[in-house]
Amino acid sequence: MTHDMDEAPGEHDALQRLCARYGIATDYHDIFGNRHVIAPANLRTLLGSFGVDTGAPLAQSLETAQRALWGRALPPALAIDADAQKWSLVLRLPAALADVGWSLEEENGMVHRGHIDLHAVYESARADLDGVALCERHVELAVPLPMGYHRLRLDGHADEALVIAAPPHCYQPPALQGDGRVWGPALQLYALRSNRNWGIGDFSDLARFAQQAAARGAGIIGLNPLHALFPHNPAHASPYSPSSRLQLDVLYIDVEAVEEFRDCEAAQQRVQSPEFQARLAALRDAELVDYPGVAAAKFEVLALLYRHFCEHGAPAAQQAFEAFREERGEPLRRHALFEALQAHFH
């Protein structure tokens, strides 16, 4: 590997070691297998984002980083598999210390305690910090932990480690467990066209698509995120930049499938009017999704449906609505308040 022409070999080595200390990759391979070396200037910029004084000599910055590393008895945080029977961590303690007590407080308040015979644990590294000989040791704790955030402390030391017990893998549907395999298409729901939607794929389209895919043997549909976006600014439409990951995007509602639509004469008249039908035809014919146009059409009619619901909603529907609000709780209330404030101020 060649060095940058403006970078001395000693500086290059210090930069590599400093990047390794902060977990910054100094090269990568593209999809064709070609190796790319990150320019030193870019590495320095990344180090700066970690709080490293890039104006100081790299050797000095490396020394500062090493002192910070060895100055902690425990790592700031570590991730383990939830319910693992044993898990390991790194301790950096005075070499003369024979044993150390520890306490581990679970997120639920339960506390585990124990001692570690340090001299019985293999030494993986040594360092001297202000005249004190320190040893690095990898120790195991046989404490299965449930999913959550737990806190590990050592007796006589101020440091604390956040122990993050995470699921060993994401949720796996029963059909995929063991040797199970399924296939299915990927679908960007907003791009799904039909002769009945309002210029954007909706949940009724999705149901029909799922039926058609299932009839052909598919067992899964890969969907784009359906998170709530920004009704006050429909053009801000990236599904990967939601306003909330806890709520759904209202633009995917099939307005004509809403129960109140069957009984709301005002909404039916509005939708069936020649002017509104012309708007829908234009939205369906657009090459790309006209998010502002779709939002204007849907919110216009949804407002009529909500008014009809408030004035004429059946008791069972009212009860179902209140049950929905209670079930979704505070997150829904806050999201609705956020949307109302956005609509008011924009």
Protein backbone atom coordinates (compact mmCIF):
# COMPACT_ATOMS: atom_id res chain seq x y z
CA MET A 1 0.00 0.00 0.00
CA THR A 2 1.34 3.44 -0.89
CA HIS A 3 1.38 6.40 1.44
CA ASP A 4 0.06 9.86 0.73
CA MET A 5 2.92 11.95 -0.71
CA ASP A 6 2.44 14.61 1.99
CA GLU A 7 2.36 12.05 4.79
CA ALA A 8 5.50 10.71 6.45
CA PRO A 9 5.62 6.95 7.16
CA GLY A 10 5.48 7.60 10.92
CA GLU A 11 2.41 9.77 10.50
CA HIS A 12 0.81 7.14 8.30
CA ASP A 13 1.28 4.45 10.94
CA ALA A 14 -0.09 6.72 13.67
CA LEU A 15 -3.11 7.57 11.52
CA GLN A 16 -3.81 3.89 10.88
CA ARG A 17 -3.56 3.05 14.57
CA LEU A 18 -5.71 6.02 15.55
CA CYS A 19 -8.41 4.99 13.09
CA ALA A 20 -8.29 1.43 14.43
CA ARG A 21 -8.74 2.83 17.93
CA TYR A 22 -11.98 4.56 16.90
CA GLY A 23 -13.24 1.77 14.65
CA ILE A 24 -12.80 3.69 11.39
CA ALA A 25 -12.08 1.55 8.33
CA THR A 26 -9.15 2.84 6.29
CA ASP A 27 -10.11 0.99 3.11
CA TYR A 28 -13.00 -0.88 1.54
CA HIS A 29 -13.79 -3.21 -1.36
CA ASP A 30 -16.44 -2.28 -3.90
CA ILE A 31 -18.92 -4.73 -5.43
CA PHE A 32 -16.37 -5.65 -8.10
CA GLY A 33 -13.75 -6.62 -5.53
CA ASN A 34 -11.57 -3.55 -6.09
CA ARG A 35 -9.87 -2.20 -2.99
CA HIS A 36 -10.11 1.52 -2.28
CA VAL A 37 -7.87 3.26 0.25
CA ILE A 38 -9.47 6.17 2.09
CA ALA A 39 -7.57 9.42 1.65
CA PRO A 40 -5.76 10.59 4.82
CA ALA A 41 -7.60 13.93 4.69
CA ASN A 42 -10.93 12.10 4.83
CA LEU A 43 -9.74 9.93 7.71
CA ARG A 44 -8.71 13.04 9.62
CA THR A 45 -12.15 14.54 9.03
CA LEU A 46 -13.80 11.41 10.38
CA LEU A 47 -11.52 11.43 13.42
CA GLY A 48 -12.50 15.03 14.02
CA SER A 49 -16.14 13.96 14.24
CA PHE A 50 -15.09 11.70 17.12
CA GLY A 51 -13.66 14.68 18.98
CA VAL A 52 -10.03 14.05 18.04
CA ASP A 53 -7.95 17.23 17.80
CA THR A 54 -6.82 16.82 14.20
CA GLY A 55 -4.68 19.93 14.49
CA ALA A 56 -2.41 18.23 17.02
CA PRO A 57 0.35 15.80 16.00
CA LEU A 58 -1.10 12.37 15.34
CA ALA A 59 1.28 10.74 17.80
CA GLN A 60 -0.04 13.05 20.50
CA SER A 61 -3.65 12.25 19.58
CA LEU A 62 -2.84 8.54 19.64
CA GLU A 63 -1.29 8.89 23.09
CA THR A 64 -4.41 10.72 24.30
CA ALA A 65 -6.62 7.96 22.91
CA GLN A 66 -4.51 5.24 24.52
CA ARG A 67 -4.61 7.01 27.88
CA ALA A 68 -8.39 7.24 27.62
CA LEU A 69 -8.59 3.53 26.76
CA TRP A 70 -6.35 2.36 29.60
CA GLY A 71 -7.76 4.90 32.03
CA ARG A 72 -11.05 3.00 32.18
CA ALA A 73 -11.37 -0.25 34.07
CA LEU A 74 -14.51 -1.14 32.09
CA PRO A 75 -15.55 -0.43 28.51
CA PRO A 76 -18.27 2.24 28.25
CA ALA A 77 -20.65 -0.26 26.64
CA LEU A 78 -20.79 -3.77 25.27
CA ALA A 79 -23.43 -5.78 23.43
CA ILE A 80 -24.19 -9.41 24.21
CA ASP A 81 -26.80 -11.96 23.17
CA ALA A 82 -29.79 -11.98 25.49
CA ASP A 83 -29.99 -15.13 27.63
CA ALA A 84 -26.42 -16.17 26.72
CA GLN A 85 -25.17 -18.51 29.45
CA LYS A 86 -21.74 -16.84 29.42
CA TRP A 87 -20.37 -13.63 27.94
CA SER A 88 -16.99 -11.93 28.03
CA LEU A 89 -15.66 -8.44 28.50
CA VAL A 90 -12.31 -6.68 28.79
CA LEU A 91 -10.99 -5.36 32.10
CA ARG A 92 -8.00 -3.01 32.39
CA LEU A 93 -6.86 -2.93 35.99
CA PRO A 94 -3.63 -2.51 38.00
CA ALA A 95 -1.40 -5.54 37.57
CA ALA A 96 -0.95 -5.79 41.33
CA LEU A 97 -4.69 -6.19 41.93
CA ALA A 98 -5.40 -9.83 42.81
CA ASP A 99 -9.19 -9.84 42.69
CA VAL A 100 -12.09 -7.49 42.21
CA GLY A 101 -15.75 -7.56 43.14
CA TRP A 102 -18.48 -6.69 40.69
CA SER A 103 -22.18 -5.89 40.71
CA LEU A 104 -24.55 -6.12 37.77
CA GLU A 105 -27.89 -4.32 37.96
CA GLU A 106 -30.52 -5.48 35.51
CA GLU A 107 -32.92 -3.02 33.92
CA ASN A 108 -35.68 -4.42 36.14
CA GLY A 109 -33.68 -3.66 39.31
CA MET A 110 -32.41 -7.17 40.07
CA VAL A 111 -28.75 -7.11 41.20
CA HIS A 112 -26.12 -9.85 40.73
CA ARG A 113 -22.81 -9.82 42.61
CA GLY A 114 -19.57 -11.76 42.44
CA HIS A 115 -15.74 -11.73 42.53
CA ILE A 116 -13.08 -12.28 39.87
CA ASP A 117 -9.71 -13.89 40.64
CA LEU A 118 -7.66 -11.70 38.31
CA HIS A 119 -4.42 -13.66 38.62
CA ALA A 120 -6.25 -16.73 37.30
CA VAL A 121 -7.18 -14.89 34.10
CA TYR A 122 -4.84 -14.72 31.12
CA GLU A 123 -3.12 -11.38 30.51
CA SER A 124 -3.68 -10.16 26.94
CA ALA A 125 -1.80 -6.83 27.13
CA ARG A 126 0.11 -4.52 29.45
CA ALA A 127 0.58 -0.78 29.68
CA ASP A 128 2.04 1.80 32.03
CA LEU A 129 -0.13 4.77 32.98
CA ASP A 130 1.50 7.44 35.14
CA GLY A 131 3.82 4.88 36.70
CA VAL A 132 1.10 2.31 37.37
CA ALA A 133 1.42 -1.06 35.61
CA LEU A 134 -1.91 -2.07 34.10
CA CYS A 135 -3.08 -5.41 32.72
CA GLU A 136 -5.73 -6.16 30.14
CA ARG A 137 -7.70 -9.33 30.78
CA HIS A 138 -10.67 -10.94 29.02
CA VAL A 139 -13.00 -12.29 31.69
CA GLU A 140 -16.22 -14.30 31.47
CA LEU A 141 -19.35 -13.77 33.53
CA ALA A 142 -21.86 -16.60 33.75
CA VAL A 143 -24.89 -14.36 34.17
CA PRO A 144 -27.68 -14.84 31.60
CA LEU A 145 -29.44 -11.52 31.06
CA PRO A 146 -32.84 -10.76 29.57
CA MET A 147 -33.20 -8.30 26.74
CA GLY A 148 -32.57 -4.78 27.96
CA TYR A 149 -30.00 -2.29 29.19
CA HIS A 150 -28.09 -3.34 32.28
CA ARG A 151 -25.27 -1.74 34.27
CA LEU A 152 -22.02 -3.37 35.40
CA ARG A 153 -19.81 -1.85 38.10
CA LEU A 154 -16.55 -2.87 39.79
CA ASP A 155 -16.00 -2.41 43.50
CA GLY A 156 -13.71 0.53 44.18
CA HIS A 157 -13.93 1.91 40.64
CA ALA A 158 -16.07 4.75 39.36
CA ASP A 159 -16.43 3.33 35.86
CA GLU A 160 -19.68 1.79 34.71
CA ALA A 161 -20.36 -0.36 31.66
CA LEU A 162 -23.69 -0.37 29.88
CA VAL A 163 -24.41 -4.01 29.03
CA ILE A 164 -26.84 -4.19 26.12
CA ALA A 165 -28.53 -7.59 25.93
CA ALA A 166 -29.97 -7.84 22.44
CA PRO A 167 -31.92 -10.59 20.65
CA PRO A 168 -29.51 -12.94 18.84
CA HIS A 169 -31.54 -12.49 15.64
CA CYS A 170 -34.57 -10.59 14.40
CA TYR A 171 -38.09 -11.96 14.41
CA GLN A 172 -38.44 -15.00 12.19
CA PRO A 173 -41.92 -15.98 10.96
CA PRO A 174 -42.83 -19.63 11.54
CA ALA A 175 -42.77 -20.27 7.79
CA LEU A 176 -39.05 -19.40 7.70
CA GLN A 177 -37.96 -21.36 10.73
CA GLY A 178 -35.80 -24.42 10.26
CA ASP A 179 -35.46 -25.21 6.57
CA GLY A 180 -38.54 -23.21 5.64
CA ARG A 181 -38.27 -21.09 2.51
CA VAL A 182 -40.73 -18.76 0.80
CA TRP A 183 -40.57 -16.48 -2.19
CA GLY A 184 -42.37 -13.34 -3.18
CA PRO A 185 -42.07 -10.02 -5.01
CA ALA A 186 -40.76 -6.70 -3.74
CA LEU A 187 -43.29 -3.90 -3.93
CA GLN A 188 -43.09 -0.14 -3.55
CA LEU A 189 -46.73 0.38 -2.58
CA TYR A 190 -46.83 4.03 -3.62
CA ALA A 191 -45.92 3.00 -7.19
CA LEU A 192 -48.67 0.39 -7.55
CA ARG A 193 -51.15 1.51 -10.20
CA SER A 194 -54.79 0.54 -10.57
CA ASN A 195 -57.80 1.97 -12.37
CA ARG A 196 -59.51 2.71 -9.05
CA ASN A 197 -56.89 4.24 -6.76
CA TRP A 198 -56.31 7.97 -6.41
CA GLY A 199 -52.88 8.23 -7.98
CA ILE A 200 -51.01 6.25 -5.34
CA GLY A 201 -51.14 2.59 -4.35
CA ASP A 202 -53.30 2.07 -1.26
CA PHE A 203 -54.14 -0.66 1.21
CA SER A 204 -56.94 -2.02 -0.97
CA ASP A 205 -54.47 -2.33 -3.83
CA LEU A 206 -52.11 -4.13 -1.49
CA ALA A 207 -54.80 -6.62 -0.47
CA ARG A 208 -55.60 -7.39 -4.12
CA PHE A 209 -51.91 -7.67 -4.98
CA ALA A 210 -51.38 -10.09 -2.07
CA GLN A 211 -54.25 -12.26 -3.29
CA GLN A 212 -52.83 -12.35 -6.81
CA ALA A 213 -49.33 -13.16 -5.56
CA ALA A 214 -50.64 -15.88 -3.24
CA ALA A 215 -52.58 -17.45 -6.11
CA ARG A 216 -49.25 -17.86 -7.90
CA GLY A 217 -47.58 -19.50 -4.91
CA ALA A 218 -45.89 -16.49 -3.29
CA GLY A 219 -45.67 -16.46 0.49
CA ILE A 220 -44.24 -13.02 1.18
CA ILE A 221 -44.28 -9.44 -0.12
CA GLY A 222 -41.33 -7.15 0.49
CA LEU A 223 -42.83 -3.70 1.17
CA ASN A 224 -41.32 -0.25 1.40
CA PRO A 225 -41.66 1.36 4.85
CA LEU A 226 -45.24 2.53 5.45
CA HIS A 227 -44.41 4.95 8.27
CA ALA A 228 -46.19 8.25 8.74
CA LEU A 229 -44.68 11.07 6.68
CA PHE A 230 -45.52 14.79 6.66
CA PRO A 231 -49.11 15.68 5.66
CA HIS A 232 -48.33 19.42 5.88
CA ASN A 233 -45.57 18.90 3.29
CA PRO A 234 -46.60 15.93 1.11
CA ALA A 235 -43.68 16.47 -1.27
CA HIS A 236 -41.36 15.35 1.56
CA ALA A 237 -42.18 11.80 0.58
CA SER A 238 -39.17 9.59 1.28
CA PRO A 239 -40.40 6.43 3.07
CA TYR A 240 -36.98 6.29 4.73
CA SER A 241 -37.37 9.68 6.43
CA PRO A 242 -40.61 9.42 8.43
CA SER A 243 -42.08 11.78 10.99
CA SER A 244 -42.94 8.73 13.12
CA ARG A 245 -42.01 5.06 12.95
CA LEU A 246 -44.96 4.23 15.22
CA GLN A 247 -47.78 5.38 12.94
CA LEU A 248 -48.84 4.64 9.36
CA ASP A 249 -48.90 6.95 6.36
CA VAL A 250 -52.49 8.16 5.90
CA LEU A 251 -51.99 8.56 2.15
CA TYR A 252 -52.24 4.78 1.85
CA ILE A 253 -55.87 4.86 3.04
CA ASP A 254 -58.37 3.79 0.41
CA VAL A 255 -60.83 6.63 1.02
CA GLU A 256 -63.73 4.88 -0.69
CA ALA A 257 -63.21 1.81 1.52
CA VAL A 258 -63.66 3.83 4.73
CA GLU A 259 -66.89 2.61 6.33
CA GLU A 260 -68.41 6.10 6.60
CA PHE A 261 -68.07 6.67 2.86
CA ARG A 262 -71.09 4.44 2.15
CA ASP A 263 -73.37 6.67 4.24
CA CYS A 264 -71.81 10.10 3.69
CA GLU A 265 -73.77 11.77 0.91
CA ALA A 266 -71.54 14.85 0.92
CA ALA A 267 -68.41 12.76 0.35
CA GLN A 268 -70.02 10.69 -2.39
CA GLN A 269 -71.26 13.79 -4.19
CA ARG A 270 -67.82 15.38 -3.96
CA VAL A 271 -66.04 12.32 -5.32
CA GLN A 272 -68.55 11.71 -8.12
CA SER A 273 -68.53 15.32 -9.29
CA PRO A 274 -67.03 15.84 -12.78
CA GLU A 275 -64.41 18.21 -11.40
CA PHE A 276 -63.20 15.73 -8.77
CA GLN A 277 -63.22 12.83 -11.22
CA ALA A 278 -61.07 14.90 -13.56
CA ARG A 279 -58.60 15.46 -10.71
CA LEU A 280 -58.47 11.73 -10.01
CA ALA A 281 -57.94 10.92 -13.68
CA ALA A 282 -55.04 13.35 -13.82
CA LEU A 283 -53.52 11.84 -10.67
CA ARG A 284 -53.78 8.32 -12.11
CA ASP A 285 -52.27 9.39 -15.43
CA ALA A 286 -49.31 11.22 -13.89
CA GLU A 287 -45.96 9.63 -14.73
CA LEU A 288 -44.80 10.04 -11.13
CA VAL A 289 -46.83 10.15 -7.93
CA ASP A 290 -48.18 13.68 -7.46
CA TYR A 291 -47.94 13.67 -3.68
CA PRO A 292 -49.37 17.18 -3.12
CA GLY A 293 -52.26 16.41 -5.47
CA VAL A 294 -52.96 13.03 -3.86
CA ALA A 295 -52.84 14.53 -0.37
CA ALA A 296 -55.18 17.39 -1.30
CA ALA A 297 -57.76 15.01 -2.77
CA LYS A 298 -57.64 12.50 0.07
CA PHE A 299 -57.65 15.00 2.93
CA GLU A 300 -60.52 16.90 1.34
CA VAL A 301 -62.76 13.83 1.44
CA LEU A 302 -61.39 12.40 4.69
CA ALA A 303 -62.37 15.65 6.39
CA LEU A 304 -65.96 15.16 5.19
CA LEU A 305 -65.94 11.57 6.44
CA TYR A 306 -64.67 12.57 9.86
CA ARG A 307 -67.33 15.26 10.18
CA HIS A 308 -69.96 12.69 9.21
CA PHE A 309 -68.53 10.26 11.78
CA CYS A 310 -68.66 12.86 14.56
CA GLU A 311 -72.24 13.85 13.74
CA HIS A 312 -73.79 10.54 12.69
CA GLY A 313 -71.41 7.76 13.72
CA ALA A 314 -73.09 4.63 15.04
CA PRO A 315 -72.48 3.82 18.73
CA ALA A 316 -70.51 0.71 17.79
CA ALA A 317 -68.25 2.77 15.51
CA GLN A 318 -67.77 5.40 18.22
CA GLN A 319 -66.82 2.70 20.70
CA ALA A 320 -64.39 1.14 18.24
CA PHE A 321 -62.78 4.54 17.67
CA GLU A 322 -62.34 5.15 21.40
CA ALA A 323 -60.94 1.64 21.85
CA PHE A 324 -58.43 2.35 19.08
CA ARG A 325 -57.35 5.59 20.75
CA GLU A 326 -56.97 3.85 24.10
CA GLU A 327 -55.03 0.96 22.60
CA ARG A 328 -52.57 3.22 20.76
CA GLY A 329 -52.25 5.44 23.82
CA GLU A 330 -49.88 8.34 24.33
CA PRO A 331 -47.79 7.82 21.17
CA LEU A 332 -50.90 8.28 19.02
CA ARG A 333 -52.02 11.35 20.99
CA ARG A 334 -48.63 12.99 20.62
CA HIS A 335 -48.46 12.20 16.93
CA ALA A 336 -51.94 13.64 16.36
CA LEU A 337 -50.98 16.75 18.34
CA PHE A 338 -47.81 17.11 16.28
CA GLU A 339 -49.79 16.85 13.05
CA ALA A 340 -52.36 19.38 14.29
CA LEU A 341 -49.64 21.88 15.22
CA GLN A 342 -47.95 21.37 11.85
CA ALA A 343 -51.24 22.00 10.05
CA HIS A 344 -51.90 25.13 12.14
CA PHE A 345 -48.48 26.74 11.73
CA HIS A 346 -47.95 25.76 8.09
